[in-house]
């Protein structure tokens, strides 16, 4: 279980670095807020005990997906017109 959390954390770290490179702290803060709000709505948690695995996975997955989408959008914007 610990290895799984470490893997998720590594992917999340990579996504955060990508987001920082694309838009700095403001973009990263916005994406974190949107991801956290979605996770809270989708998988409520009362804050007691360890955070449920599903929440950790979903939050990390959302950060990765936002980073991928924004990176692809930025790359596409730099391409010359066809």
N, C-alpha and C. Protein backbone atom coordinates (compact mmCIF):
# COMPACT_ATOMS: atom_id res chain seq x y z
N UNK A 1 0.83 -1.19 0.00
CA UNK A 1 0.00 0.00 0.00
C UNK A 1 0.87 1.26 0.00
N UNK A 2 1.93 1.23 0.77
CA UNK A 2 2.80 2.40 0.85
C UNK A 2 3.44 2.69 -0.50
N UNK A 3 3.84 1.65 -1.23
CA UNK A 3 4.43 1.84 -2.55
C UNK A 3 3.44 2.49 -3.49
N UNK A 4 2.19 2.09 -3.39
CA UNK A 4 1.15 2.68 -4.24
C UNK A 4 1.04 4.18 -3.97
N UNK A 5 1.02 4.57 -2.71
CA UNK A 5 0.96 5.98 -2.36
C UNK A 5 2.20 6.72 -2.86
N UNK A 6 3.36 6.10 -2.78
CA UNK A 6 4.59 6.71 -3.28
C UNK A 6 4.51 6.92 -4.79
N UNK A 7 3.97 5.94 -5.51
CA UNK A 7 3.80 6.07 -6.96
C UNK A 7 2.85 7.21 -7.30
N UNK A 8 1.75 7.28 -6.57
CA UNK A 8 0.79 8.36 -6.80
C UNK A 8 1.43 9.70 -6.52
N UNK A 9 2.18 9.78 -5.44
CA UNK A 9 2.84 11.04 -5.08
C UNK A 9 3.85 11.47 -6.15
N UNK A 10 4.59 10.52 -6.70
CA UNK A 10 5.55 10.85 -7.77
C UNK A 10 4.83 11.40 -9.00
N UNK A 11 3.72 10.77 -9.37
CA UNK A 11 2.95 11.27 -10.51
C UNK A 11 2.37 12.65 -10.22
N UNK A 12 1.89 12.83 -9.01
CA UNK A 12 1.35 14.13 -8.62
C UNK A 12 2.43 15.19 -8.65
N UNK A 13 3.61 14.87 -8.15
CA UNK A 13 4.73 15.82 -8.18
C UNK A 13 5.08 16.21 -9.61
N UNK A 14 5.10 15.23 -10.50
CA UNK A 14 5.41 15.50 -11.91
C UNK A 14 4.35 16.42 -12.53
N UNK A 15 3.10 16.16 -12.22
CA UNK A 15 2.02 17.00 -12.72
C UNK A 15 2.13 18.42 -12.19
N UNK A 16 2.47 18.56 -10.91
CA UNK A 16 2.62 19.89 -10.32
C UNK A 16 3.76 20.66 -10.96
N UNK A 17 4.86 19.99 -11.27
CA UNK A 17 5.99 20.65 -11.94
C UNK A 17 5.55 21.12 -13.32
N UNK A 18 4.81 20.27 -14.04
CA UNK A 18 4.31 20.65 -15.36
C UNK A 18 3.40 21.87 -15.25
N UNK A 19 2.48 21.86 -14.31
CA UNK A 19 1.56 22.98 -14.13
C UNK A 19 2.30 24.26 -13.76
N UNK A 20 3.31 24.15 -12.91
CA UNK A 20 4.12 25.32 -12.56
C UNK A 20 4.79 25.89 -13.80
N UNK A 21 5.30 25.02 -14.65
CA UNK A 21 5.96 25.47 -15.87
C UNK A 21 5.01 26.12 -16.85
N UNK A 22 3.76 25.71 -16.83
CA UNK A 22 2.77 26.25 -17.77
C UNK A 22 2.16 27.56 -17.29
N UNK A 23 2.00 27.71 -15.98
CA UNK A 23 1.30 28.92 -15.51
C UNK A 23 1.71 29.40 -14.14
N UNK A 24 2.78 28.84 -13.61
CA UNK A 24 3.27 29.29 -12.31
C UNK A 24 2.34 28.92 -11.16
N UNK A 25 2.59 29.56 -10.03
CA UNK A 25 1.81 29.28 -8.81
C UNK A 25 0.32 29.55 -8.97
N UNK A 26 -0.07 30.63 -9.71
CA UNK A 26 -1.52 30.86 -9.85
C UNK A 26 -2.24 29.68 -10.53
N UNK A 27 -1.67 29.15 -11.59
CA UNK A 27 -2.30 28.02 -12.27
C UNK A 27 -2.33 26.80 -11.36
N UNK A 28 -1.23 26.50 -10.71
CA UNK A 28 -1.18 25.34 -9.81
C UNK A 28 -2.21 25.48 -8.70
N UNK A 29 -2.32 26.66 -8.12
CA UNK A 29 -3.31 26.88 -7.05
C UNK A 29 -4.73 26.67 -7.57
N UNK A 30 -5.02 27.17 -8.76
CA UNK A 30 -6.35 27.00 -9.34
C UNK A 30 -6.67 25.53 -9.58
N UNK A 31 -5.73 24.80 -10.16
CA UNK A 31 -5.95 23.39 -10.46
C UNK A 31 -6.11 22.60 -9.17
N UNK A 32 -5.29 22.90 -8.17
CA UNK A 32 -5.43 22.22 -6.87
C UNK A 32 -6.82 22.47 -6.28
N UNK A 33 -7.29 23.71 -6.36
CA UNK A 33 -8.60 24.06 -5.79
C UNK A 33 -9.73 23.32 -6.52
N UNK A 34 -9.66 23.30 -7.84
CA UNK A 34 -10.70 22.61 -8.62
C UNK A 34 -10.68 21.12 -8.32
N UNK A 35 -9.49 20.53 -8.29
CA UNK A 35 -9.36 19.09 -8.02
C UNK A 35 -9.86 18.76 -6.61
N UNK A 36 -9.49 19.56 -5.64
CA UNK A 36 -9.91 19.31 -4.27
C UNK A 36 -11.43 19.44 -4.13
N UNK A 37 -12.01 20.44 -4.77
CA UNK A 37 -13.46 20.63 -4.70
C UNK A 37 -14.18 19.43 -5.34
N UNK A 38 -13.66 18.96 -6.47
CA UNK A 38 -14.28 17.82 -7.13
C UNK A 38 -14.20 16.57 -6.25
N UNK A 39 -13.02 16.33 -5.68
CA UNK A 39 -12.84 15.17 -4.81
C UNK A 39 -13.78 15.26 -3.61
N UNK A 40 -13.91 16.44 -3.02
CA UNK A 40 -14.80 16.61 -1.87
C UNK A 40 -16.26 16.32 -2.23
N UNK A 41 -16.67 16.75 -3.42
CA UNK A 41 -18.06 16.49 -3.84
C UNK A 41 -18.28 15.02 -4.17
N UNK A 42 -17.30 14.44 -4.84
CA UNK A 42 -17.44 13.06 -5.32
C UNK A 42 -17.25 12.02 -4.21
N UNK A 43 -16.28 12.29 -3.32
CA UNK A 43 -15.93 11.33 -2.27
C UNK A 43 -15.82 12.06 -0.92
N UNK A 44 -16.94 12.41 -0.32
CA UNK A 44 -16.89 13.14 0.96
C UNK A 44 -16.11 12.36 2.03
N UNK A 45 -15.48 13.12 2.91
CA UNK A 45 -14.69 12.52 4.00
C UNK A 45 -14.79 13.45 5.19
N UNK A 46 -14.95 12.90 6.37
CA UNK A 46 -15.11 13.72 7.57
C UNK A 46 -13.79 14.16 8.19
N UNK A 47 -12.68 13.79 7.59
CA UNK A 47 -11.38 14.22 8.09
C UNK A 47 -10.81 13.36 9.21
N UNK A 48 -11.54 12.35 9.62
CA UNK A 48 -11.05 11.48 10.68
C UNK A 48 -10.26 10.32 10.09
N UNK A 49 -9.20 9.96 10.74
CA UNK A 49 -8.38 8.84 10.27
C UNK A 49 -7.59 9.22 9.02
N UNK A 50 -7.01 8.21 8.43
CA UNK A 50 -6.23 8.42 7.21
C UNK A 50 -7.19 8.73 6.06
N UNK A 51 -6.74 9.59 5.17
CA UNK A 51 -7.57 9.91 4.02
C UNK A 51 -7.79 8.65 3.19
N UNK A 52 -9.01 8.40 2.77
CA UNK A 52 -9.29 7.19 1.99
C UNK A 52 -8.47 7.14 0.70
N UNK A 53 -8.05 5.95 0.38
CA UNK A 53 -7.22 5.68 -0.79
C UNK A 53 -7.84 6.24 -2.07
N UNK A 54 -9.15 6.09 -2.21
CA UNK A 54 -9.84 6.54 -3.42
C UNK A 54 -9.71 8.05 -3.61
N UNK A 55 -9.75 8.78 -2.50
CA UNK A 55 -9.59 10.25 -2.59
C UNK A 55 -8.19 10.62 -3.04
N UNK A 56 -7.21 9.97 -2.47
CA UNK A 56 -5.82 10.25 -2.83
C UNK A 56 -5.59 9.96 -4.32
N UNK A 57 -6.09 8.84 -4.77
CA UNK A 57 -5.92 8.44 -6.17
C UNK A 57 -6.64 9.42 -7.09
N UNK A 58 -7.88 9.77 -6.76
CA UNK A 58 -8.65 10.67 -7.61
C UNK A 58 -7.99 12.05 -7.69
N UNK A 59 -7.54 12.58 -6.57
CA UNK A 59 -6.89 13.90 -6.56
C UNK A 59 -5.64 13.87 -7.45
N UNK A 60 -4.81 12.87 -7.28
CA UNK A 60 -3.60 12.76 -8.10
C UNK A 60 -3.93 12.59 -9.57
N UNK A 61 -4.95 11.79 -9.87
CA UNK A 61 -5.35 11.58 -11.26
C UNK A 61 -5.85 12.87 -11.89
N UNK A 62 -6.60 13.65 -11.13
CA UNK A 62 -7.09 14.93 -11.65
C UNK A 62 -5.95 15.89 -11.95
N UNK A 63 -4.98 15.97 -11.05
CA UNK A 63 -3.83 16.85 -11.32
C UNK A 63 -3.10 16.40 -12.58
N UNK A 64 -2.92 15.11 -12.73
CA UNK A 64 -2.23 14.58 -13.92
C UNK A 64 -3.02 14.90 -15.18
N UNK A 65 -4.33 14.74 -15.13
CA UNK A 65 -5.16 14.99 -16.31
C UNK A 65 -5.17 16.46 -16.68
N UNK A 66 -5.30 17.34 -15.71
CA UNK A 66 -5.23 18.78 -15.99
C UNK A 66 -3.88 19.13 -16.61
N UNK A 67 -2.81 18.61 -16.06
CA UNK A 67 -1.47 18.90 -16.60
C UNK A 67 -1.37 18.43 -18.05
N UNK A 68 -1.87 17.24 -18.31
CA UNK A 68 -1.81 16.70 -19.67
C UNK A 68 -2.63 17.57 -20.64
N UNK A 69 -3.85 17.90 -20.25
CA UNK A 69 -4.69 18.71 -21.13
C UNK A 69 -4.10 20.09 -21.39
N UNK A 70 -3.62 20.72 -20.36
CA UNK A 70 -3.05 22.07 -20.52
C UNK A 70 -1.74 22.04 -21.30
N UNK A 71 -0.94 21.02 -21.07
CA UNK A 71 0.31 20.88 -21.83
C UNK A 71 0.01 20.68 -23.31
N UNK A 72 -0.96 19.83 -23.62
CA UNK A 72 -1.33 19.59 -25.01
C UNK A 72 -1.92 20.84 -25.66
N UNK A 73 -2.72 21.57 -24.91
CA UNK A 73 -3.29 22.81 -25.44
C UNK A 73 -2.21 23.83 -25.72
N UNK A 74 -1.26 23.94 -24.81
CA UNK A 74 -0.16 24.89 -24.99
C UNK A 74 0.69 24.50 -26.18
N UNK A 75 0.97 23.21 -26.32
CA UNK A 75 1.76 22.73 -27.45
C UNK A 75 1.03 22.99 -28.77
N UNK A 76 -0.26 22.72 -28.80
CA UNK A 76 -1.05 22.93 -30.02
C UNK A 76 -1.08 24.40 -30.40
N UNK A 77 -1.11 25.28 -29.41
CA UNK A 77 -1.15 26.73 -29.69
C UNK A 77 0.15 27.20 -30.34
N UNK A 78 1.24 26.49 -30.11
CA UNK A 78 2.54 26.88 -30.68
C UNK A 78 2.77 26.33 -32.09
N UNK A 79 1.92 25.39 -32.52
CA UNK A 79 2.11 24.80 -33.84
C UNK A 79 1.71 25.79 -34.93
N UNK A 80 2.44 25.79 -36.04
CA UNK A 80 2.05 26.68 -37.14
C UNK A 80 0.73 26.22 -37.75
N UNK A 81 -0.01 27.14 -38.36
CA UNK A 81 -1.27 26.74 -38.97
C UNK A 81 -1.05 25.73 -40.09
N UNK A 82 -2.00 24.86 -40.27
CA UNK A 82 -1.88 23.82 -41.31
C UNK A 82 -2.15 24.38 -42.69
